[in-house]
Amino acid sequence: MHFVNAKGILTGGKGHFGMNIYRGCSHGCIYCDSRSRCYQFTHAFEDIEVKQNAPELLEQALKTKRQKSMIGTGSMSDPYMHCEEKLGLTRKCLEIICQYGFGAAIQTKSDRILRDIDLLEEINRRAKCVVQMTLTTWDERLCGIIEPNVCNTQRRVEVLEEMRRRKIPTVVWLTPILPFINDTQENIGAILEACAGTGVKGIICFDMGLTLREGDREYYYAALDRHFPGLKEKTIRTYGNAYEIPSPDSTALMHFFRAFCREHGILYEPEECFAYLNALPEKYAQMSFLDTQQENDRL
């Protein structure tokens, strides 16, 4: 890994912001879109870029904002990969979010998030905290191939269960689903049952498939050659050089997915899930700058 001083930390606006403390990832997931060349990495993807001044930048940004909002992290790089154990930048940023009364929406595949569960609980008590967990593959052996350097799906379900016990809401990303690998009703059904069992608020699934573009396509195909001989050729024959790679069973699987969610009262339309993730309860969103300063003085 290497360290940089970033010029800014928050992106977006209109009621919610995004934040990526790291660039690159050590999880080694074979399908990772963040490897795509469109993101203009100037270093090896596994050479994690650390925005060492992220907490300072975040505090500078939040202490002057009059309108409270949700702050998301994890969309490009997992905030709980291996280097976070030593560096603790994610925790420092969450402490600042908590101090200034903002909400947090955190996306991860890692059980390292449990280290900060006390802080997540406090953010959720003061404002709102949503933990988003990616689940793709129920079979432990297959999960170890597809997502080799992170805890398996069953362990992630244990994380979801602990969040429910602490009354911290959760959303699951059921994506990507890889054609000819984990695109079976058995796999999808096992994950959905686990989601229902842990009381998730919503499940985000755009389609049963994945996307491939320059950069991550080559990495994905190399992984297919290593672990699934002949599957790269089958994928190329079926899809050519397409960006969207839907499962041959996508229609049936999506019907199964939507029916399950409706039956169990789980949000499943992406726009509804994002609306929930981005919404901060009104009584917090309308807190004034003065209110925040008074709260900070009290602490």
Protein backbone atom coordinates (compact mmCIF):
# COMPACT_ATOMS: atom_id res chain seq x y z
CA MET A 1 0.00 0.00 0.00
CA HIS A 2 1.00 3.63 -0.39
CA PHE A 3 -0.18 6.87 1.20
CA VAL A 4 -1.47 10.08 -0.36
CA ASN A 5 -2.94 13.35 0.85
CA ALA A 6 -6.26 13.72 -0.91
CA LYS A 7 -7.72 17.09 -1.89
CA GLY A 8 -11.24 16.10 -0.90
CA ILE A 9 -13.13 13.15 0.55
CA LEU A 10 -16.87 13.64 -0.08
CA THR A 11 -18.59 13.23 -3.45
CA GLY A 12 -22.19 13.76 -4.51
CA GLY A 13 -24.74 15.87 -2.71
CA LYS A 14 -28.50 16.48 -2.86
CA GLY A 15 -29.13 14.99 0.55
CA HIS A 16 -26.44 12.29 0.63
CA PHE A 17 -22.71 11.95 0.06
CA GLY A 18 -20.22 9.24 -0.85
CA MET A 19 -16.76 8.65 0.59
CA ASN A 20 -13.94 6.29 -0.37
CA ILE A 21 -11.04 6.21 2.07
CA TYR A 22 -9.07 3.66 0.05
CA ARG A 23 -8.50 2.97 -3.66
CA GLY A 24 -7.87 -0.59 -4.75
CA CYS A 25 -8.70 -3.73 -2.79
CA SER A 26 -7.10 -6.84 -1.33
CA HIS A 27 -10.17 -9.13 -1.41
CA GLY A 28 -9.29 -10.56 -4.85
CA CYS A 29 -12.89 -11.07 -6.05
CA ILE A 30 -12.66 -12.41 -9.60
CA TYR A 31 -15.46 -10.20 -10.94
CA CYS A 32 -14.51 -6.82 -9.44
CA ASP A 33 -15.75 -3.93 -11.61
CA SER A 34 -13.50 -1.48 -9.73
CA ARG A 35 -10.57 -2.90 -11.69
CA SER A 36 -12.00 -1.39 -14.88
CA ARG A 37 -9.66 0.96 -16.69
CA CYS A 38 -12.32 3.65 -16.82
CA TYR A 39 -11.51 4.38 -13.18
CA GLN A 40 -8.00 5.42 -14.26
CA PHE A 41 -5.88 3.63 -11.71
CA THR A 42 -2.24 4.69 -11.97
CA HIS A 43 -1.05 1.91 -9.65
CA ALA A 44 -1.59 -1.83 -9.27
CA PHE A 45 -5.08 -2.56 -7.94
CA GLU A 46 -3.67 -4.56 -5.00
CA ASP A 47 -1.32 -1.70 -4.10
CA ILE A 48 -3.89 0.02 -1.91
CA GLU A 49 -3.92 3.80 -2.09
CA VAL A 50 -4.57 5.16 1.40
CA LYS A 51 -6.04 8.63 1.76
CA GLN A 52 -4.23 9.24 5.01
CA ASN A 53 -5.82 12.64 5.61
CA ALA A 54 -9.39 11.34 5.14
CA PRO A 55 -10.48 11.99 8.76
CA GLU A 56 -9.21 15.57 8.68
CA LEU A 57 -10.90 16.25 5.35
CA LEU A 58 -14.15 14.72 6.57
CA GLU A 59 -14.21 16.81 9.74
CA GLN A 60 -13.52 19.98 7.77
CA ALA A 61 -16.45 19.16 5.49
CA LEU A 62 -18.97 18.13 8.14
CA LYS A 63 -18.44 20.82 10.72
CA THR A 64 -19.66 23.50 8.31
CA LYS A 65 -22.69 21.66 6.88
CA ARG A 66 -25.99 22.91 8.23
CA GLN A 67 -28.05 20.08 6.69
CA LYS A 68 -27.51 16.58 8.04
CA SER A 69 -27.39 13.73 5.53
CA MET A 70 -26.38 10.13 4.99
CA ILE A 71 -22.75 9.42 4.12
CA GLY A 72 -22.09 6.23 2.20
CA THR A 73 -18.80 4.37 1.91
CA GLY A 74 -17.66 1.16 0.22
CA SER A 75 -19.00 1.60 -3.30
CA MET A 76 -15.55 1.41 -4.93
CA SER A 77 -13.22 -0.02 -2.26
CA ASP A 78 -14.21 -2.05 0.77
CA PRO A 79 -13.69 0.08 3.90
CA TYR A 80 -12.92 -3.06 5.93
CA MET A 81 -10.19 -4.75 3.91
CA HIS A 82 -7.02 -6.04 5.55
CA CYS A 83 -5.16 -2.72 5.92
CA GLU A 84 -8.02 -1.23 7.97
CA GLU A 85 -7.03 -3.49 10.88
CA LYS A 86 -3.77 -1.57 11.24
CA LEU A 87 -4.76 1.88 10.00
CA GLY A 88 -8.22 2.33 11.51
CA LEU A 89 -9.16 5.14 9.12
CA THR A 90 -12.68 3.86 8.62
CA ARG A 91 -13.29 3.89 12.35
CA LYS A 92 -11.87 7.42 12.68
CA CYS A 93 -14.21 8.63 9.94
CA LEU A 94 -17.18 6.93 11.58
CA GLU A 95 -16.31 8.61 14.86
CA ILE A 96 -16.46 11.99 13.08
CA ILE A 97 -19.77 11.09 11.41
CA CYS A 98 -21.13 10.19 14.82
CA GLN A 99 -19.76 13.34 16.46
CA TYR A 100 -21.44 15.65 13.96
CA GLY A 101 -24.76 13.82 13.91
CA PHE A 102 -24.71 12.46 10.35
CA GLY A 103 -25.93 9.06 9.19
CA ALA A 104 -23.83 6.29 7.67
CA ALA A 105 -24.45 3.65 4.99
CA ILE A 106 -21.55 1.20 4.85
CA GLN A 107 -21.02 -1.43 2.16
CA THR A 108 -18.66 -4.34 2.84
CA LYS A 109 -18.02 -8.07 2.47
CA SER A 110 -15.94 -8.28 5.63
CA ASP A 111 -16.69 -9.36 9.18
CA ARG A 112 -14.11 -6.79 10.33
CA ILE A 113 -17.04 -4.40 10.53
CA LEU A 114 -17.93 -6.09 13.83
CA ARG A 115 -14.94 -4.32 15.38
CA ASP A 116 -16.89 -1.08 15.08
CA ILE A 117 -20.33 -2.33 16.03
CA ASP A 118 -20.42 -0.17 19.15
CA LEU A 119 -19.89 2.90 16.99
CA LEU A 120 -22.42 1.79 14.39
CA GLU A 121 -24.97 1.29 17.14
CA GLU A 122 -24.32 4.81 18.43
CA ILE A 123 -24.64 6.36 14.96
CA ASN A 124 -27.92 4.51 14.51
CA ARG A 125 -29.16 5.76 17.89
CA ARG A 126 -28.34 9.38 17.08
CA ALA A 127 -29.26 9.41 13.40
CA LYS A 128 -29.28 6.34 11.15
CA CYS A 129 -26.82 3.59 10.22
CA VAL A 130 -27.37 0.98 7.51
CA VAL A 131 -24.94 -1.89 6.97
CA GLN A 132 -24.86 -3.26 3.42
CA MET A 133 -23.43 -6.74 2.91
CA THR A 134 -22.65 -8.33 -0.46
CA LEU A 135 -23.75 -11.97 -0.80
CA THR A 136 -23.22 -13.88 -4.04
CA THR A 137 -22.34 -17.51 -3.38
CA TRP A 138 -23.71 -19.84 -0.72
CA ASP A 139 -21.39 -22.79 -1.36
CA GLU A 140 -18.29 -22.29 0.82
CA ARG A 141 -15.82 -23.88 -1.60
CA LEU A 142 -17.12 -21.88 -4.54
CA CYS A 143 -17.21 -18.71 -2.48
CA GLY A 144 -13.53 -19.24 -1.68
CA ILE A 145 -12.75 -19.27 -5.40
CA ILE A 146 -14.89 -16.29 -6.39
CA GLU A 147 -14.10 -14.11 -3.36
CA PRO A 148 -10.84 -15.63 -2.08
CA ASN A 149 -9.49 -13.16 0.48
CA VAL A 150 -12.57 -12.36 2.52
CA CYS A 151 -14.87 -14.23 4.91
CA ASN A 152 -17.41 -16.60 3.39
CA THR A 153 -21.12 -16.00 2.96
CA GLN A 154 -22.14 -17.88 6.10
CA ARG A 155 -19.90 -15.62 8.18
CA ARG A 156 -21.40 -12.54 6.52
CA VAL A 157 -24.85 -13.83 7.45
CA GLU A 158 -23.64 -14.00 11.06
CA VAL A 159 -22.71 -10.33 10.73
CA LEU A 160 -26.23 -9.56 9.48
CA GLU A 161 -27.68 -11.44 12.43
CA GLU A 162 -25.57 -9.46 14.88
CA MET A 163 -26.71 -6.23 13.26
CA ARG A 164 -30.32 -7.31 13.71
CA ARG A 165 -29.64 -8.07 17.35
CA ARG A 166 -28.32 -4.51 17.74
CA LYS A 167 -31.30 -3.11 15.78
CA ILE A 168 -29.03 -1.80 13.01
CA PRO A 169 -30.87 -2.08 9.65
CA THR A 170 -29.26 -4.01 6.81
CA VAL A 171 -29.43 -4.19 3.03
CA VAL A 172 -27.93 -6.99 0.93
CA TRP A 173 -26.33 -6.65 -2.51
CA LEU A 174 -27.15 -9.84 -4.43
CA THR A 175 -24.69 -9.09 -7.19
CA PRO A 176 -23.00 -10.10 -9.33
CA ILE A 177 -24.39 -13.49 -10.28
CA LEU A 178 -21.97 -15.23 -12.63
CA PRO A 179 -23.36 -17.12 -15.66
CA PHE A 180 -22.70 -20.86 -15.54
CA ILE A 181 -21.15 -20.58 -12.04
CA ASN A 182 -23.54 -19.45 -9.29
CA ASP A 183 -26.66 -18.65 -11.33
CA THR A 184 -28.83 -21.42 -9.90
CA GLN A 185 -32.11 -21.26 -8.02
CA GLU A 186 -30.52 -23.38 -5.30
CA ASN A 187 -27.82 -20.75 -4.72
CA ILE A 188 -30.18 -17.77 -4.96
CA GLY A 189 -32.76 -19.46 -2.75
CA ALA A 190 -30.26 -20.23 0.02
CA ILE A 191 -29.11 -16.60 0.08
CA LEU A 192 -32.67 -15.28 0.06
CA GLU A 193 -33.68 -17.54 2.94
CA ALA A 194 -30.71 -16.22 4.93
CA CYS A 195 -31.76 -12.65 4.14
CA ALA A 196 -35.29 -13.28 5.34
CA GLY A 197 -33.99 -15.05 8.43
CA THR A 198 -31.86 -12.06 9.43
CA GLY A 199 -34.57 -9.49 8.73
CA VAL A 200 -32.85 -7.47 6.01
CA LYS A 201 -34.66 -4.31 4.95
CA GLY A 202 -33.90 -4.65 1.24
CA ILE A 203 -32.00 -6.62 -1.38
CA ILE A 204 -30.36 -4.87 -4.34
CA CYS A 205 -30.23 -6.96 -7.51
CA PHE A 206 -30.23 -5.22 -10.89
CA ASP A 207 -30.25 -8.50 -12.84
CA MET A 208 -28.95 -12.04 -12.58
CA GLY A 209 -25.62 -11.55 -14.30
CA LEU A 210 -22.55 -9.32 -14.30
CA THR A 211 -20.92 -6.59 -16.33
CA LEU A 212 -17.51 -6.79 -17.99
CA ARG A 213 -15.41 -3.98 -19.41
CA GLU A 214 -11.79 -3.35 -20.19
CA GLY A 215 -9.65 -4.13 -17.19
CA ASP A 216 -11.95 -6.35 -15.19
CA ARG A 217 -12.83 -8.52 -18.23
CA GLU A 218 -9.22 -9.67 -18.60
CA TYR A 219 -8.91 -10.38 -14.87
CA TYR A 220 -12.18 -12.34 -14.89
CA TYR A 221 -11.20 -14.42 -17.90
CA ALA A 222 -7.81 -15.24 -16.35
CA ALA A 223 -9.63 -16.46 -13.24
CA LEU A 224 -11.95 -18.61 -15.36
CA ASP A 225 -8.93 -20.22 -16.99
CA ARG A 226 -7.42 -21.00 -13.58
CA HIS A 227 -10.52 -22.33 -11.87
CA PHE A 228 -13.10 -23.25 -14.54
CA PRO A 229 -11.31 -24.69 -17.60
CA GLY A 230 -13.22 -24.08 -20.83
CA LEU A 231 -15.64 -21.59 -19.31
CA LYS A 232 -13.93 -18.54 -20.79
CA GLU A 233 -14.45 -19.91 -24.30
CA LYS A 234 -18.08 -20.75 -23.53
CA THR A 235 -18.65 -17.23 -22.17
CA ILE A 236 -17.10 -15.63 -25.26
CA ARG A 237 -19.16 -17.84 -27.58
CA THR A 238 -22.34 -16.92 -25.73
CA TYR A 239 -21.83 -13.20 -25.16
CA GLY A 240 -19.02 -12.04 -27.43
CA ASN A 241 -17.51 -8.82 -26.14
CA ALA A 242 -20.71 -7.54 -24.52
CA TYR A 243 -20.74 -5.27 -21.48
CA GLU A 244 -23.81 -6.88 -19.93
CA ILE A 245 -23.52 -10.63 -19.32
CA PRO A 246 -26.93 -11.88 -18.10
CA SER A 247 -27.42 -15.43 -16.91
CA PRO A 248 -29.26 -17.63 -19.45
CA ASP A 249 -31.77 -18.16 -16.62
CA SER A 250 -31.99 -14.48 -15.68
CA THR A 251 -35.72 -14.09 -16.38
CA ALA A 252 -36.74 -17.07 -14.26
CA LEU A 253 -34.30 -16.19 -11.47
CA MET A 254 -35.46 -12.57 -11.33
CA HIS A 255 -39.08 -13.72 -11.15
CA PHE A 256 -38.14 -16.06 -8.29
CA PHE A 257 -36.23 -13.25 -6.54
CA ARG A 258 -39.04 -10.70 -6.80
CA ALA A 259 -41.71 -13.17 -5.71
CA PHE A 260 -39.66 -14.14 -2.66
CA CYS A 261 -39.11 -10.52 -1.64
CA ARG A 262 -42.78 -9.66 -2.05
CA GLU A 263 -43.76 -12.65 0.07
CA HIS A 264 -41.36 -11.67 2.85
CA GLY A 265 -41.90 -7.91 2.77
CA ILE A 266 -38.36 -7.12 1.60
CA LEU A 267 -37.62 -4.08 -0.57
CA TYR A 268 -36.28 -5.20 -3.95
CA GLU A 269 -36.75 -2.42 -6.49
CA PRO A 270 -33.33 -0.70 -6.73
CA GLU A 271 -34.80 2.81 -6.55
CA GLU A 272 -36.70 1.91 -3.37
CA CYS A 273 -33.57 0.44 -1.79
CA PHE A 274 -31.50 3.50 -2.66
CA ALA A 275 -34.21 5.83 -1.42
CA TYR A 276 -34.10 4.02 1.91
CA LEU A 277 -30.29 4.09 2.06
CA ASN A 278 -30.11 7.80 1.27
CA ALA A 279 -32.91 9.02 3.52
CA LEU A 280 -32.09 10.44 6.94
CA PRO A 281 -35.00 10.73 9.39
CA GLU A 282 -36.45 14.21 9.11
CA LYS A 283 -35.86 15.21 12.72
CA TYR A 284 -32.12 14.68 12.18
CA ALA A 285 -31.91 16.01 8.63
CA GLN A 286 -33.35 19.33 9.77
CA MET A 287 -31.06 19.85 12.75
CA SER A 288 -29.40 23.24 12.57
CA PHE A 289 -25.72 23.99 12.72
CA LEU A 290 -26.31 25.55 16.14
CA ASP A 291 -27.97 22.38 17.41
CA THR A 292 -24.93 20.38 16.31
CA GLN A 293 -22.53 22.74 18.02
CA GLN A 294 -24.52 22.53 21.25
CA GLU A 295 -24.46 18.73 21.06
CA ASN A 296 -20.71 18.72 20.47
CA ASP A 297 -20.19 21.04 23.43
CA ARG A 298 -22.21 18.71 25.63
CA LEU A 299 -20.04 15.76 24.56
